[in-house]
Amino acid sequence: MTTTTEHTYGYADLPRLMGLMTGDEKHGPAATSTLDALWVLYDRVLRVTPERADDPARDRFLLSKGHGPMAYYAVLAAKGFLPVEWLEGFGAYDSPLGHHPDRVLVPGAEIGSGSLGHGLPIAVGTALGLKAQGLTEPRVWVLVGDAEMDEGSNHEAVAYAGPAGLEQLHALVIDNASASYARPGGIAARFEAAGWSTETVDGRDHDALHAAFTAPHPGRPRVVVARVEPKEFSGEPRSK
């Protein structure tokens, strides 16, 4: 729970906060598929707060799945990173909350995202940069959509991070069955083949998510595949 001078916000408030964001280009299914995993991360796992948003020792969260950021904005607002009042202006010309997050405009956002396939490579670079600076405690988390795994840049990042033993790196793949190409053995098998620690869980089960997020994985990067209900194909490109 997060308390401000006026309100206390918890998980039950997230649908109402998301409901404040109206207009076109909401990408609702892309947003709601991430809601539970995002909440568990920010509520129970990530070592970052609005007061520590610039602390070199903070955990980093990178939203690679930049389409449909409504859940991300709602969680950031609930946790005090940005004013709840901003949500009503979502997508407006003069609003900092665009249809894709902008790290320059959105407090708490580590990267500008929306172009699929960039987040995981950036997360690899972030983990390498922290290691080079001797900052071994901060953890790097990146949320990726299952359809993003079609991008070659992600496969290169996966192939590099495992043998490099990037223990600070954590990937969260939201699997809502929107990928164009099936993978033998499932999504986790691709990471496991490259030496990652892997686990696949119910993406709506908060306790299962928390346990998977906090499981030890010495000497290896970690990926958690969170399975949610399949996305209904409604004419949008499936890479969303």
Protein backbone atom coordinates (compact mmCIF):
# COMPACT_ATOMS: atom_id res chain seq x y z
CA MET A 1 0.00 0.00 0.00
CA THR A 2 1.12 3.56 -0.69
CA THR A 3 -0.02 6.49 1.42
CA THR A 4 0.03 10.10 0.26
CA THR A 5 -1.22 13.15 2.13
CA GLU A 6 -4.67 12.53 0.66
CA HIS A 7 -5.06 8.88 -0.34
CA THR A 8 -3.86 5.36 0.26
CA TYR A 9 -3.55 3.27 -2.89
CA GLY A 10 -3.42 -0.49 -3.18
CA TYR A 11 -3.91 -3.16 -5.80
CA ALA A 12 -7.70 -2.80 -5.64
CA ASP A 13 -7.39 0.82 -6.78
CA LEU A 14 -5.54 0.02 -10.01
CA PRO A 15 -8.63 -0.59 -12.21
CA ARG A 16 -10.03 2.77 -11.12
CA LEU A 17 -6.72 4.50 -11.79
CA MET A 18 -6.52 2.89 -15.22
CA GLY A 19 -10.10 3.99 -15.85
CA LEU A 20 -9.01 7.62 -15.55
CA MET A 21 -7.04 7.18 -18.78
CA THR A 22 -9.33 7.54 -21.78
CA GLY A 23 -9.05 8.21 -25.51
CA ASP A 24 -7.68 6.35 -28.49
CA GLU A 25 -4.56 4.20 -28.67
CA LYS A 26 -4.95 2.79 -25.17
CA HIS A 27 -3.96 -0.77 -26.15
CA GLY A 28 -6.03 -2.06 -23.26
CA PRO A 29 -5.20 -5.79 -23.60
CA ALA A 30 -1.48 -5.03 -23.77
CA ALA A 31 -1.77 -3.02 -20.57
CA THR A 32 -3.99 -5.29 -18.49
CA SER A 33 -1.83 -8.33 -19.26
CA THR A 34 1.02 -6.73 -17.30
CA LEU A 35 -0.98 -5.36 -14.37
CA ASP A 36 -0.46 -8.09 -11.76
CA ALA A 37 3.22 -8.65 -12.50
CA LEU A 38 3.93 -4.92 -12.40
CA TRP A 39 2.14 -4.52 -9.08
CA VAL A 40 4.00 -7.39 -7.43
CA LEU A 41 7.32 -6.01 -8.64
CA TYR A 42 6.72 -2.48 -7.39
CA ASP A 43 4.90 -3.47 -4.22
CA ARG A 44 7.07 -6.35 -3.01
CA VAL A 45 10.31 -6.68 -4.96
CA LEU A 46 11.88 -3.56 -6.47
CA ARG A 47 14.15 -1.54 -4.22
CA VAL A 48 13.20 1.84 -5.64
CA THR A 49 10.95 4.63 -4.38
CA PRO A 50 10.16 8.15 -5.58
CA GLU A 51 12.73 9.42 -3.08
CA ARG A 52 15.37 7.03 -4.46
CA ALA A 53 14.61 7.50 -8.14
CA ASP A 54 18.11 8.89 -8.78
CA ASP A 55 19.99 6.79 -6.22
CA PRO A 56 22.83 4.89 -7.96
CA ALA A 57 22.09 1.93 -5.65
CA ARG A 58 18.43 1.65 -6.72
CA ASP A 59 17.00 -1.28 -8.65
CA ARG A 60 16.27 -0.49 -12.30
CA PHE A 61 13.00 -1.42 -14.00
CA LEU A 62 12.85 -1.15 -17.79
CA LEU A 63 9.53 -1.41 -19.61
CA SER A 64 10.39 -2.89 -22.99
CA LYS A 65 6.73 -3.68 -23.71
CA GLY A 66 6.07 0.01 -24.22
CA HIS A 67 2.77 -0.48 -26.01
CA GLY A 68 -0.18 -0.07 -23.69
CA PRO A 69 1.56 1.69 -20.76
CA MET A 70 -1.68 2.36 -18.86
CA ALA A 71 -0.94 -0.27 -16.20
CA TYR A 72 2.60 1.08 -15.82
CA TYR A 73 1.33 4.64 -15.32
CA ALA A 74 -1.33 3.46 -12.86
CA VAL A 75 1.25 1.58 -10.77
CA LEU A 76 3.67 4.53 -10.83
CA ALA A 77 0.86 6.82 -9.69
CA ALA A 78 -0.22 4.41 -6.94
CA LYS A 79 3.37 4.27 -5.70
CA GLY A 80 3.78 8.04 -5.68
CA PHE A 81 6.16 8.47 -8.62
CA LEU A 82 3.71 10.73 -10.47
CA PRO A 83 0.52 12.62 -9.52
CA VAL A 84 -2.74 10.74 -9.98
CA GLU A 85 -4.12 13.89 -11.61
CA TRP A 86 -1.82 13.30 -14.57
CA LEU A 87 -3.69 10.12 -15.52
CA GLU A 88 -6.74 11.99 -16.80
CA GLY A 89 -4.61 13.73 -19.41
CA PHE A 90 -3.20 10.49 -20.81
CA GLY A 91 -2.24 10.83 -24.46
CA ALA A 92 -3.14 14.52 -24.69
CA TYR A 93 -0.88 16.89 -26.60
CA ASP A 94 0.41 18.61 -23.45
CA SER A 95 0.49 15.51 -21.21
CA PRO A 96 3.77 13.90 -20.07
CA LEU A 97 1.99 10.53 -20.26
CA GLY A 98 2.24 9.58 -23.90
CA HIS A 99 1.16 6.43 -25.67
CA HIS A 100 4.74 5.25 -25.14
CA PRO A 101 6.66 6.16 -21.96
CA ASP A 102 9.29 8.88 -22.22
CA ARG A 103 12.04 8.75 -19.59
CA VAL A 104 12.51 12.51 -19.83
CA LEU A 105 8.85 13.19 -19.01
CA VAL A 106 7.70 10.32 -16.78
CA PRO A 107 9.14 10.24 -13.23
CA GLY A 108 10.48 6.80 -12.43
CA ALA A 109 10.79 5.65 -16.06
CA GLU A 110 14.30 4.40 -16.82
CA ILE A 111 13.99 4.26 -20.62
CA GLY A 112 11.84 5.63 -23.41
CA SER A 113 10.13 2.61 -24.93
CA GLY A 114 7.61 1.50 -27.49
CA SER A 115 9.79 0.24 -30.32
CA LEU A 116 9.75 -3.48 -29.64
CA GLY A 117 12.93 -5.46 -29.14
CA HIS A 118 15.06 -2.75 -27.50
CA GLY A 119 14.46 -3.25 -23.78
CA LEU A 120 16.29 -6.54 -23.20
CA PRO A 121 19.49 -5.42 -24.98
CA ILE A 122 19.37 -2.14 -23.00
CA ALA A 123 18.93 -4.15 -19.80
CA VAL A 124 22.02 -6.21 -20.67
CA GLY A 125 23.97 -3.00 -21.18
CA THR A 126 22.64 -1.60 -17.91
CA ALA A 127 23.75 -4.67 -15.98
CA LEU A 128 27.19 -4.50 -17.60
CA GLY A 129 27.44 -0.79 -16.78
CA LEU A 130 26.56 -1.33 -13.13
CA LYS A 131 29.10 -4.14 -12.89
CA ALA A 132 31.79 -1.94 -14.44
CA GLN A 133 31.09 0.72 -11.81
CA GLY A 134 31.38 -1.78 -8.99
CA LEU A 135 27.64 -1.50 -8.23
CA THR A 136 26.83 -5.15 -7.62
CA GLU A 137 23.74 -4.76 -5.42
CA PRO A 138 21.25 -3.04 -7.79
CA ARG A 139 19.12 -5.46 -9.77
CA VAL A 140 17.99 -4.83 -13.32
CA TRP A 141 14.48 -5.89 -14.33
CA VAL A 142 13.05 -5.70 -17.84
CA LEU A 143 9.45 -6.51 -18.83
CA VAL A 144 9.13 -7.98 -22.32
CA GLY A 145 6.06 -9.06 -24.29
CA ASP A 146 5.97 -12.57 -25.73
CA ALA A 147 5.61 -11.19 -29.26
CA GLU A 148 8.78 -9.16 -28.77
CA MET A 149 10.68 -12.40 -28.59
CA ASP A 150 10.31 -12.59 -32.37
CA GLU A 151 12.87 -9.76 -32.57
CA GLY A 152 16.43 -10.86 -33.33
CA SER A 153 17.88 -8.25 -30.97
CA ASN A 154 16.32 -10.11 -28.05
CA HIS A 155 17.81 -13.43 -29.12
CA GLU A 156 21.26 -11.85 -29.27
CA ALA A 157 20.77 -10.40 -25.77
CA VAL A 158 19.61 -13.77 -24.42
CA ALA A 159 22.56 -15.55 -26.04
CA TYR A 160 25.05 -13.08 -24.57
CA ALA A 161 23.69 -12.66 -21.03
CA GLY A 162 23.70 -16.35 -20.10
CA PRO A 163 27.34 -17.16 -20.80
CA ALA A 164 28.30 -13.74 -19.37
CA GLY A 165 26.74 -14.76 -16.05
CA LEU A 166 24.84 -11.49 -15.57
CA GLU A 167 23.32 -12.37 -12.21
CA GLN A 168 21.97 -8.84 -11.72
CA LEU A 169 19.78 -9.19 -14.83
CA HIS A 170 16.15 -10.30 -14.56
CA ALA A 171 13.70 -10.60 -17.44
CA LEU A 172 9.93 -10.85 -17.07
CA VAL A 173 8.15 -12.12 -20.17
CA ILE A 174 4.38 -11.61 -20.28
CA ASP A 175 2.93 -14.47 -22.30
CA ASN A 176 -0.57 -13.65 -23.57
CA ALA A 177 -0.23 -15.90 -26.63
CA SER A 178 0.27 -13.00 -29.02
CA ALA A 179 3.58 -14.15 -30.51
CA SER A 180 3.55 -14.96 -34.21
CA TYR A 181 5.84 -17.97 -33.95
CA ALA A 182 5.59 -20.78 -31.42
CA ARG A 183 8.75 -22.04 -29.75
CA PRO A 184 9.40 -25.74 -29.09
CA GLY A 185 9.37 -26.21 -25.33
CA GLY A 186 7.87 -22.78 -24.70
CA ILE A 187 9.44 -19.37 -24.15
CA ALA A 188 11.51 -20.39 -21.13
CA ALA A 189 13.29 -23.09 -23.15
CA ARG A 190 15.03 -20.47 -25.29
CA PHE A 191 16.48 -18.79 -22.20
CA GLU A 192 17.37 -22.09 -20.53
CA ALA A 193 19.36 -23.16 -23.57
CA ALA A 194 21.48 -20.03 -23.14
CA GLY A 195 22.20 -20.75 -19.49
CA TRP A 196 19.54 -18.63 -17.78
CA SER A 197 17.68 -19.59 -14.61
CA THR A 198 14.03 -19.96 -15.69
CA GLU A 199 10.54 -20.36 -14.26
CA THR A 200 7.05 -20.20 -15.76
CA VAL A 201 4.17 -19.13 -13.51
CA ASP A 202 0.55 -17.98 -13.51
CA GLY A 203 0.75 -14.28 -14.29
CA ARG A 204 -2.27 -13.50 -12.10
CA ASP A 205 -1.05 -15.34 -8.99
CA HIS A 206 0.70 -12.75 -6.82
CA ASP A 207 2.31 -15.23 -4.44
CA ALA A 208 3.62 -17.37 -7.31
CA LEU A 209 4.99 -14.26 -9.03
CA HIS A 210 6.69 -13.09 -5.85
CA ALA A 211 8.28 -16.47 -5.21
CA ALA A 212 9.56 -16.64 -8.79
CA PHE A 213 10.85 -13.06 -8.69
CA THR A 214 12.82 -13.64 -5.50
CA ALA A 215 14.19 -17.15 -6.13
CA PRO A 216 18.00 -17.32 -5.90
CA HIS A 217 19.95 -17.84 -9.13
CA PRO A 218 23.66 -17.52 -8.33
CA GLY A 219 25.90 -16.81 -11.31
CA ARG A 220 23.07 -16.73 -13.86
CA PRO A 221 20.54 -14.22 -15.18
CA ARG A 222 16.92 -14.99 -14.34
CA VAL A 223 13.77 -15.05 -16.49
CA VAL A 224 10.21 -15.43 -15.26
CA VAL A 225 7.56 -16.20 -17.87
CA ALA A 226 4.16 -14.99 -16.63
CA ARG A 227 1.30 -16.68 -18.46
CA VAL A 228 -1.98 -14.76 -18.66
CA GLU A 229 -5.19 -15.21 -20.62
CA PRO A 230 -4.71 -15.14 -24.42
CA LYS A 231 -5.07 -11.78 -26.10
CA GLU A 232 -8.11 -11.53 -28.34
CA PHE A 233 -6.95 -10.67 -31.84
CA SER A 234 -9.01 -7.67 -32.91
CA GLY A 235 -7.25 -6.37 -35.97
CA GLU A 236 -4.24 -4.90 -34.16
CA PRO A 237 -0.81 -6.08 -35.28
CA ARG A 238 0.03 -9.11 -33.16
CA SER A 239 3.44 -7.62 -32.25
CA LYS A 240 1.67 -5.31 -29.82
